[in-house]
Amino acid sequence: MPIYEYLCGACAHEFEAFLRKPTDGVSCPACQSANLERVLSRPRVHSEARKGRSMRAAKQRDKSQAQEAAYTQRQYELNHDD
């Protein structure tokens, strides 16, 4: 199903809706108004620079998670000396 974006005329809330047709019954999730305007979707552009930043962030996250897991394991071993 396509994603349609709407702007509520009553409360100015922007939201997305998964609908078969843009005319299917939809109302604002914030105020329940049916006074909606369909807006153009903003393009999502992916670039090599963005991909590089995402990969660096993922590697940093993986590294910190591994360090935290090693620390937790070490603390467990120290506290449960059988």
PDB file of N, CA and C in Angstrom:
ATOM      1  N   MET A   1       0.831  -1.181   0.000  1.00  0.00           N
ATOM      2  CA  MET A   1       0.000   0.000   0.000  1.00  0.00           C
ATOM      3  C   MET A   1       0.876   1.245   0.000  1.00  0.00           C
ATOM      4  N   PRO A   2       0.483   2.243  -0.740  1.00  0.00           N
ATOM      5  CA  PRO A   2       1.266   3.478  -0.757  1.00  0.00           C
ATOM      6  C   PRO A   2       1.106   4.278   0.532  1.00  0.00           C
ATOM      7  N   ILE A   3       2.096   5.111   0.773  1.00  0.00           N
ATOM      8  CA  ILE A   3       2.066   6.007   1.928  1.00  0.00           C
ATOM      9  C   ILE A   3       1.642   7.388   1.434  1.00  0.00           C
ATOM     10  N   TYR A   4       0.612   7.930   2.045  1.00  0.00           N
ATOM     11  CA  TYR A   4       0.153   9.277   1.723  1.00  0.00           C
ATOM     12  C   TYR A   4       0.427  10.177   2.917  1.00  0.00           C
ATOM     13  N   GLU A   5       0.847  11.403   2.634  1.00  0.00           N
ATOM     14  CA  GLU A   5       1.106  12.373   3.696  1.00  0.00           C
ATOM     15  C   GLU A   5       0.005  13.420   3.693  1.00  0.00           C
ATOM     16  N   TYR A   6      -0.419  13.789   4.895  1.00  0.00           N
ATOM     17  CA  TYR A   6      -1.514  14.742   5.053  1.00  0.00           C
ATOM     18  C   TYR A   6      -1.143  15.837   6.043  1.00  0.00           C
ATOM     19  N   LEU A   7      -1.800  16.988   5.868  1.00  0.00           N
ATOM     20  CA  LEU A   7      -1.718  18.106   6.804  1.00  0.00           C
ATOM     21  C   LEU A   7      -3.142  18.396   7.256  1.00  0.00           C
ATOM     22  N   CYS A   8      -3.352  18.385   8.558  1.00  0.00           N
ATOM     23  CA  CYS A   8      -4.683  18.639   9.110  1.00  0.00           C
ATOM     24  C   CYS A   8      -4.974  20.138   9.073  1.00  0.00           C
ATOM     25  N   GLY A   9      -6.120  20.500   8.521  1.00  0.00           N
ATOM     26  CA  GLY A   9      -6.528  21.898   8.464  1.00  0.00           C
ATOM     27  C   GLY A   9      -6.999  22.430   9.807  1.00  0.00           C
ATOM     28  N   ALA A  10      -7.360  21.538  10.716  1.00  0.00           N
ATOM     29  CA  ALA A  10      -7.870  21.967  12.016  1.00  0.00           C
ATOM     30  C   ALA A  10      -6.760  22.220  13.026  1.00  0.00           C
ATOM     31  N   CYS A  11      -5.761  21.313  13.077  1.00  0.00           N
ATOM     32  CA  CYS A  11      -4.729  21.453  14.117  1.00  0.00           C
ATOM     33  C   CYS A  11      -3.306  21.544  13.560  1.00  0.00           C
ATOM     34  N   ALA A  12      -3.141  21.525  12.231  1.00  0.00           N
ATOM     35  CA  ALA A  12      -1.846  21.646  11.551  1.00  0.00           C
ATOM     36  C   ALA A  12      -0.914  20.470  11.822  1.00  0.00           C
ATOM     37  N   HIS A  13      -1.471  19.333  12.223  1.00  0.00           N
ATOM     38  CA  HIS A  13      -0.671  18.128  12.457  1.00  0.00           C
ATOM     39  C   HIS A  13      -0.348  17.474  11.113  1.00  0.00           C
ATOM     40  N   GLU A  14       0.937  17.144  10.882  1.00  0.00           N
ATOM     41  CA  GLU A  14       1.335  16.415   9.681  1.00  0.00           C
ATOM     42  C   GLU A  14       1.484  14.955  10.041  1.00  0.00           C
ATOM     43  N   PHE A  15       0.981  14.068   9.167  1.00  0.00           N
ATOM     44  CA  PHE A  15       1.082  12.643   9.440  1.00  0.00           C
ATOM     45  C   PHE A  15       1.054  11.856   8.139  1.00  0.00           C
ATOM     46  N   GLU A  16       1.436  10.590   8.233  1.00  0.00           N
ATOM     47  CA  GLU A  16       1.420   9.676   7.102  1.00  0.00           C
ATOM     48  C   GLU A  16       0.339   8.639   7.327  1.00  0.00           C
ATOM     49  N   ALA A  17      -0.236   8.149   6.229  1.00  0.00           N
ATOM     50  CA  ALA A  17      -1.254   7.107   6.316  1.00  0.00           C
ATOM     51  C   ALA A  17      -1.007   6.080   5.215  1.00  0.00           C
ATOM     52  N   PHE A  18      -1.141   4.808   5.551  1.00  0.00           N
ATOM     53  CA  PHE A  18      -1.044   3.719   4.585  1.00  0.00           C
ATOM     54  C   PHE A  18      -2.455   3.441   4.065  1.00  0.00           C
ATOM     55  N   LEU A  19      -2.708   3.761   2.807  1.00  0.00           N
ATOM     56  CA  LEU A  19      -4.047   3.617   2.245  1.00  0.00           C
ATOM     57  C   LEU A  19      -3.981   3.026   0.847  1.00  0.00           C
ATOM     58  N   ARG A  20      -5.029   2.330   0.466  1.00  0.00           N
ATOM     59  CA  ARG A  20      -5.112   1.834  -0.912  1.00  0.00           C
ATOM     60  C   ARG A  20      -5.301   3.006  -1.882  1.00  0.00           C
ATOM     61  N   LYS A  21      -6.169   3.941  -1.507  1.00  0.00           N
ATOM     62  CA  LYS A  21      -6.440   5.124  -2.323  1.00  0.00           C
ATOM     63  C   LYS A  21      -6.384   6.353  -1.420  1.00  0.00           C
ATOM     64  N   PRO A  22      -5.959   7.491  -1.948  1.00  0.00           N
ATOM     65  CA  PRO A  22      -5.892   8.692  -1.104  1.00  0.00           C
ATOM     66  C   PRO A  22      -7.264   9.176  -0.648  1.00  0.00           C
ATOM     67  N   THR A  23      -8.326   8.653  -1.255  1.00  0.00           N
ATOM     68  CA  THR A  23      -9.677   9.075  -0.871  1.00  0.00           C
ATOM     69  C   THR A  23     -10.303   8.154   0.171  1.00  0.00           C
ATOM     70  N   ASP A  24      -9.612   7.080   0.567  1.00  0.00           N
ATOM     71  CA  ASP A  24     -10.134   6.204   1.623  1.00  0.00           C
ATOM     72  C   ASP A  24     -10.344   7.018   2.889  1.00  0.00           C
ATOM     73  N   GLY A  25     -11.312   6.621   3.692  1.00  0.00           N
ATOM     74  CA  GLY A  25     -11.641   7.364   4.910  1.00  0.00           C
ATOM     75  C   GLY A  25     -10.449   7.502   5.837  1.00  0.00           C
ATOM     76  N   VAL A  26      -9.970   8.708   5.990  1.00  0.00           N
ATOM     77  CA  VAL A  26      -8.842   8.974   6.876  1.00  0.00           C
ATOM     78  C   VAL A  26      -9.157  10.229   7.679  1.00  0.00           C
ATOM     79  N   SER A  27      -8.720  10.224   8.927  1.00  0.00           N
ATOM     80  CA  SER A  27      -8.910  11.406   9.769  1.00  0.00           C
ATOM     81  C   SER A  27      -7.617  11.665  10.532  1.00  0.00           C
ATOM     82  N   CYS A  28      -7.485  12.862  11.030  1.00  0.00           N
ATOM     83  CA  CYS A  28      -6.287  13.266  11.762  1.00  0.00           C
ATOM     84  C   CYS A  28      -6.169  12.447  13.050  1.00  0.00           C
ATOM     85  N   PRO A  29      -5.022  11.816  13.300  1.00  0.00           N
ATOM     86  CA  PRO A  29      -4.866  11.048  14.533  1.00  0.00           C
ATOM     87  C   PRO A  29      -4.792  11.929  15.781  1.00  0.00           C
ATOM     88  N   ALA A  30      -4.483  13.210  15.605  1.00  0.00           N
ATOM     89  CA  ALA A  30      -4.364  14.106  16.759  1.00  0.00           C
ATOM     90  C   ALA A  30      -5.714  14.661  17.207  1.00  0.00           C
ATOM     91  N   CYS A  31      -6.558  15.063  16.227  1.00  0.00           N
ATOM     92  CA  CYS A  31      -7.825  15.711  16.607  1.00  0.00           C
ATOM     93  C   CYS A  31      -9.053  15.058  15.979  1.00  0.00           C
ATOM     94  N   GLN A  32      -8.865  14.017  15.188  1.00  0.00           N
ATOM     95  CA  GLN A  32      -9.949  13.266  14.529  1.00  0.00           C
ATOM     96  C   GLN A  32     -10.676  14.056  13.440  1.00  0.00           C
ATOM     97  N   SER A  33     -10.145  15.190  13.034  1.00  0.00           N
ATOM     98  CA  SER A  33     -10.778  15.996  11.992  1.00  0.00           C
ATOM     99  C   SER A  33     -10.596  15.327  10.632  1.00  0.00           C
ATOM    100  N   ALA A  34     -11.577  15.512   9.754  1.00  0.00           N
ATOM    101  CA  ALA A  34     -11.482  15.022   8.384  1.00  0.00           C
ATOM    102  C   ALA A  34     -11.083  16.149   7.431  1.00  0.00           C
ATOM    103  N   ASN A  35     -10.789  17.332   7.954  1.00  0.00           N
ATOM    104  CA  ASN A  35     -10.372  18.490   7.167  1.00  0.00           C
ATOM    105  C   ASN A  35      -8.877  18.353   6.872  1.00  0.00           C
ATOM    106  N   LEU A  36      -8.546  17.557   5.847  1.00  0.00           N
ATOM    107  CA  LEU A  36      -7.156  17.222   5.553  1.00  0.00           C
ATOM    108  C   LEU A  36      -6.753  17.699   4.175  1.00  0.00           C
ATOM    109  N   GLU A  37      -5.484  18.022   4.054  1.00  0.00           N
ATOM    110  CA  GLU A  37      -4.899  18.378   2.768  1.00  0.00           C
ATOM    111  C   GLU A  37      -3.762  17.404   2.505  1.00  0.00           C
ATOM    112  N   ARG A  38      -3.787  16.783   1.331  1.00  0.00           N
ATOM    113  CA  ARG A  38      -2.709  15.870   0.977  1.00  0.00           C
ATOM    114  C   ARG A  38      -1.507  16.699   0.555  1.00  0.00           C
ATOM    115  N   VAL A  39      -0.340  16.398   1.132  1.00  0.00           N
ATOM    116  CA  VAL A  39       0.872  17.159   0.827  1.00  0.00           C
ATOM    117  C   VAL A  39       1.847  16.286   0.054  1.00  0.00           C
ATOM    118  N   LEU A  40       2.747  16.939  -0.661  1.00  0.00           N
ATOM    119  CA  LEU A  40       3.757  16.207  -1.416  1.00  0.00           C
ATOM    120  C   LEU A  40       4.781  15.601  -0.464  1.00  0.00           C
ATOM    121  N   SER A  41       5.151  14.378  -0.735  1.00  0.00           N
ATOM    122  CA  SER A  41       6.162  13.710   0.084  1.00  0.00           C
ATOM    123  C   SER A  41       7.526  14.291  -0.223  1.00  0.00           C
ATOM    124  N   ARG A  42       8.322  14.446   0.810  1.00  0.00           N
ATOM    125  CA  ARG A  42       9.690  14.918   0.623  1.00  0.00           C
ATOM    126  C   ARG A  42      10.548  13.747   0.152  1.00  0.00           C
ATOM    127  N   PRO A  43      11.389  13.963  -0.844  1.00  0.00           N
ATOM    128  CA  PRO A  43      12.243  12.861  -1.297  1.00  0.00           C
ATOM    129  C   PRO A  43      13.287  12.513  -0.245  1.00  0.00           C
ATOM    130  N   ARG A  44      13.619  11.252  -0.177  1.00  0.00           N
ATOM    131  CA  ARG A  44      14.663  10.794   0.741  1.00  0.00           C
ATOM    132  C   ARG A  44      15.872  10.422  -0.110  1.00  0.00           C
ATOM    133  N   VAL A  45      16.886  11.239  -0.016  1.00  0.00           N
ATOM    134  CA  VAL A  45      18.070  11.065  -0.844  1.00  0.00           C
ATOM    135  C   VAL A  45      19.161  10.380  -0.033  1.00  0.00           C
ATOM    136  N   HIS A  46      19.708   9.329  -0.600  1.00  0.00           N
ATOM    137  CA  HIS A  46      20.806   8.617   0.041  1.00  0.00           C
ATOM    138  C   HIS A  46      22.090   8.940  -0.716  1.00  0.00           C
ATOM    139  N   SER A  47      23.123   9.290   0.017  1.00  0.00           N
ATOM    140  CA  SER A  47      24.391   9.629  -0.612  1.00  0.00           C
ATOM    141  C   SER A  47      25.494   8.765  -0.015  1.00  0.00           C
ATOM    142  N   GLU A  48      26.624   8.751  -0.674  1.00  0.00           N
ATOM    143  CA  GLU A  48      27.771   7.997  -0.162  1.00  0.00           C
ATOM    144  C   GLU A  48      28.249   8.574   1.164  1.00  0.00           C
ATOM    145  N   ALA A  49      28.187   9.898   1.310  1.00  0.00           N
ATOM    146  CA  ALA A  49      28.606  10.526   2.569  1.00  0.00           C
ATOM    147  C   ALA A  49      27.695  10.087   3.709  1.00  0.00           C
ATOM    148  N   ARG A  50      26.398  10.063   3.455  1.00  0.00           N
ATOM    149  CA  ARG A  50      25.451   9.633   4.488  1.00  0.00           C
ATOM    150  C   ARG A  50      25.669   8.164   4.824  1.00  0.00           C
ATOM    151  N   LYS A  51      25.909   7.361   3.810  1.00  0.00           N
ATOM    152  CA  LYS A  51      26.166   5.938   4.035  1.00  0.00           C
ATOM    153  C   LYS A  51      27.417   5.761   4.881  1.00  0.00           C
ATOM    154  N   GLY A  52      28.456   6.547   4.598  1.00  0.00           N
ATOM    155  CA  GLY A  52      29.695   6.480   5.372  1.00  0.00           C
ATOM    156  C   GLY A  52      29.480   6.864   6.824  1.00  0.00           C
ATOM    157  N   ARG A  53      28.712   7.924   7.057  1.00  0.00           N
ATOM    158  CA  ARG A  53      28.406   8.331   8.438  1.00  0.00           C
ATOM    159  C   ARG A  53      27.622   7.248   9.159  1.00  0.00           C
ATOM    160  N   SER A  54      26.685   6.640   8.473  1.00  0.00           N
ATOM    161  CA  SER A  54      25.889   5.576   9.084  1.00  0.00           C
ATOM    162  C   SER A  54      26.756   4.381   9.437  1.00  0.00           C
ATOM    163  N   MET A  55      27.681   4.028   8.557  1.00  0.00           N
ATOM    164  CA  MET A  55      28.564   2.888   8.822  1.00  0.00           C
ATOM    165  C   MET A  55      29.494   3.183   9.996  1.00  0.00           C
ATOM    166  N   ARG A  56      30.048   4.397  10.054  1.00  0.00           N
ATOM    167  CA  ARG A  56      30.913   4.756  11.181  1.00  0.00           C
ATOM    168  C   ARG A  56      30.138   4.719  12.492  1.00  0.00           C
ATOM    169  N   ALA A  57      28.921   5.222  12.475  1.00  0.00           N
ATOM    170  CA  ALA A  57      28.091   5.207  13.682  1.00  0.00           C
ATOM    171  C   ALA A  57      27.767   3.776  14.093  1.00  0.00           C
ATOM    172  N   ALA A  58      27.492   2.916  13.129  1.00  0.00           N
ATOM    173  CA  ALA A  58      27.186   1.516  13.436  1.00  0.00           C
ATOM    174  C   ALA A  58      28.407   0.811  14.015  1.00  0.00           C
ATOM    175  N   LYS A  59      29.586   1.071  13.458  1.00  0.00           N
ATOM    176  CA  LYS A  59      30.809   0.454  13.986  1.00  0.00           C
ATOM    177  C   LYS A  59      31.088   0.927  15.409  1.00  0.00           C
ATOM    178  N   GLN A  60      30.884   2.215  15.669  1.00  0.00           N
ATOM    179  CA  GLN A  60      31.089   2.754  17.013  1.00  0.00           C
ATOM    180  C   GLN A  60      30.101   2.132  17.989  1.00  0.00           C
ATOM    181  N   ARG A  61      28.850   2.006  17.568  1.00  0.00           N
ATOM    182  CA  ARG A  61      27.829   1.387  18.417  1.00  0.00           C
ATOM    183  C   ARG A  61      28.186  -0.069  18.713  1.00  0.00           C
ATOM    184  N   ASP A  62      28.626  -0.813  17.690  1.00  0.00           N
ATOM    185  CA  ASP A  62      29.017  -2.212  17.889  1.00  0.00           C
ATOM    186  C   ASP A  62      30.191  -2.325  18.849  1.00  0.00           C
ATOM    187  N   LYS A  63      31.159  -1.412  18.713  1.00  0.00           N
ATOM    188  CA  LYS A  63      32.329  -1.427  19.587  1.00  0.00           C
ATOM    189  C   LYS A  63      31.926  -1.174  21.036  1.00  0.00           C
ATOM    190  N   SER A  64      31.070  -0.174  21.253  1.00  0.00           N
ATOM    191  CA  SER A  64      30.668   0.137  22.627  1.00  0.00           C
ATOM    192  C   SER A  64      29.805  -0.980  23.212  1.00  0.00           C
ATOM    193  N   GLN A  65      28.979  -1.625  22.397  1.00  0.00           N
ATOM    194  CA  GLN A  65      28.177  -2.745  22.887  1.00  0.00           C
ATOM    195  C   GLN A  65      29.068  -3.929  23.254  1.00  0.00           C
ATOM    196  N   ALA A  66      30.117  -4.179  22.472  1.00  0.00           N
ATOM    197  CA  ALA A  66      31.047  -5.265  22.781  1.00  0.00           C
ATOM    198  C   ALA A  66      31.797  -4.975  24.073  1.00  0.00           C
ATOM    199  N   GLN A  67      32.220  -3.718  24.258  1.00  0.00           N
ATOM    200  CA  GLN A  67      32.906  -3.350  25.494  1.00  0.00           C
ATOM    201  C   GLN A  67      31.982  -3.508  26.697  1.00  0.00           C
ATOM    202  N   GLU A  68      30.742  -3.110  26.543  1.00  0.00           N
ATOM    203  CA  GLU A  68      29.780  -3.238  27.637  1.00  0.00           C
ATOM    204  C   GLU A  68      29.508  -4.708  27.960  1.00  0.00           C
ATOM    205  N   ALA A  69      29.397  -5.544  26.938  1.00  0.00           N
ATOM    206  CA  ALA A  69      29.172  -6.974  27.164  1.00  0.00           C
ATOM    207  C   ALA A  69      30.366  -7.607  27.863  1.00  0.00           C
ATOM    208  N   ALA A  70      31.587  -7.226  27.458  1.00  0.00           N
ATOM    209  CA  ALA A  70      32.789  -7.763  28.102  1.00  0.00           C
ATOM    210  C   ALA A  70      32.856  -7.320  29.559  1.00  0.00           C
ATOM    211  N   TYR A  71      32.525  -6.065  29.832  1.00  0.00           N
ATOM    212  CA  TYR A  71      32.529  -5.558  31.203  1.00  0.00           C
ATOM    213  C   TYR A  71      31.498  -6.301  32.053  1.00  0.00           C
ATOM    214  N   THR A  72      30.308  -6.475  31.512  1.00  0.00           N
ATOM    215  CA  THR A  72      29.247  -7.182  32.238  1.00  0.00           C
ATOM    216  C   THR A  72      29.655  -8.616  32.525  1.00  0.00           C
ATOM    217  N   GLN A  73      30.257  -9.282  31.551  1.00  0.00           N
ATOM    218  CA  GLN A  73      30.710 -10.661  31.743  1.00  0.00           C
ATOM    219  C   GLN A  73      31.789 -10.722  32.817  1.00  0.00           C
ATOM    220  N   ARG A  74      32.716  -9.788  32.778  1.00  0.00           N
ATOM    221  CA  ARG A  74      33.799  -9.758  33.771  1.00  0.00           C
ATOM    222  C   ARG A  74      33.238  -9.517  35.170  1.00  0.00           C
ATOM    223  N   GLN A  75      32.289  -8.593  35.308  1.00  0.00           N
ATOM    224  CA  GLN A  75      31.673  -8.332  36.608  1.00  0.00           C
ATOM    225  C   GLN A  75      30.937  -9.567  37.123  1.00  0.00           C
ATOM    226  N   TYR A  76      30.274 -10.274  36.240  1.00  0.00           N
ATOM    227  CA  TYR A  76      29.572 -11.492  36.632  1.00  0.00           C
ATOM    228  C   TYR A  76      30.569 -12.527  37.144  1.00  0.00           C
ATOM    229  N   GLU A  77      31.675 -12.688  36.409  1.00  0.00           N
ATOM    230  CA  GLU A  77      32.685 -13.672  36.809  1.00  0.00           C
ATOM    231  C   GLU A  77      33.308 -13.315  38.152  1.00  0.00           C
ATOM    232  N   LEU A  78      33.550 -12.035  38.394  1.00  0.00           N
ATOM    233  CA  LEU A  78      34.128 -11.617  39.668  1.00  0.00           C
ATOM    234  C   LEU A  78      33.161 -11.837  40.830  1.00  0.00           C
ATOM    235  N   ASN A  79      31.878 -11.640  40.596  1.00  0.00           N
ATOM    236  CA  ASN A  79      30.881 -11.762  41.658  1.00  0.00           C
ATOM    237  C   ASN A  79      30.353 -13.179  41.857  1.00  0.00           C
ATOM    238  N   HIS A  80      30.639 -14.062  40.936  1.00  0.00           N
ATOM    239  CA  HIS A  80      30.152 -15.436  41.026  1.00  0.00           C
ATOM    240  C   HIS A  80      31.325 -16.409  40.934  1.00  0.00           C
ATOM    241  N   ASP A  81      32.267 -16.236  41.795  1.00  0.00           N
ATOM    242  CA  ASP A  81      33.457 -17.098  41.805  1.00  0.00           C
ATOM    243  C   ASP A  81      33.094 -18.425  42.460  1.00  0.00           C
ATOM    244  N   ASP A  82      32.884 -19.432  41.653  1.00  0.00           N
ATOM    245  CA  ASP A  82      32.490 -20.753  42.179  1.00  0.00           C
ATOM    246  C   ASP A  82      33.657 -21.688  42.294  1.00  0.00           C
TER     247      ASP A  82
END
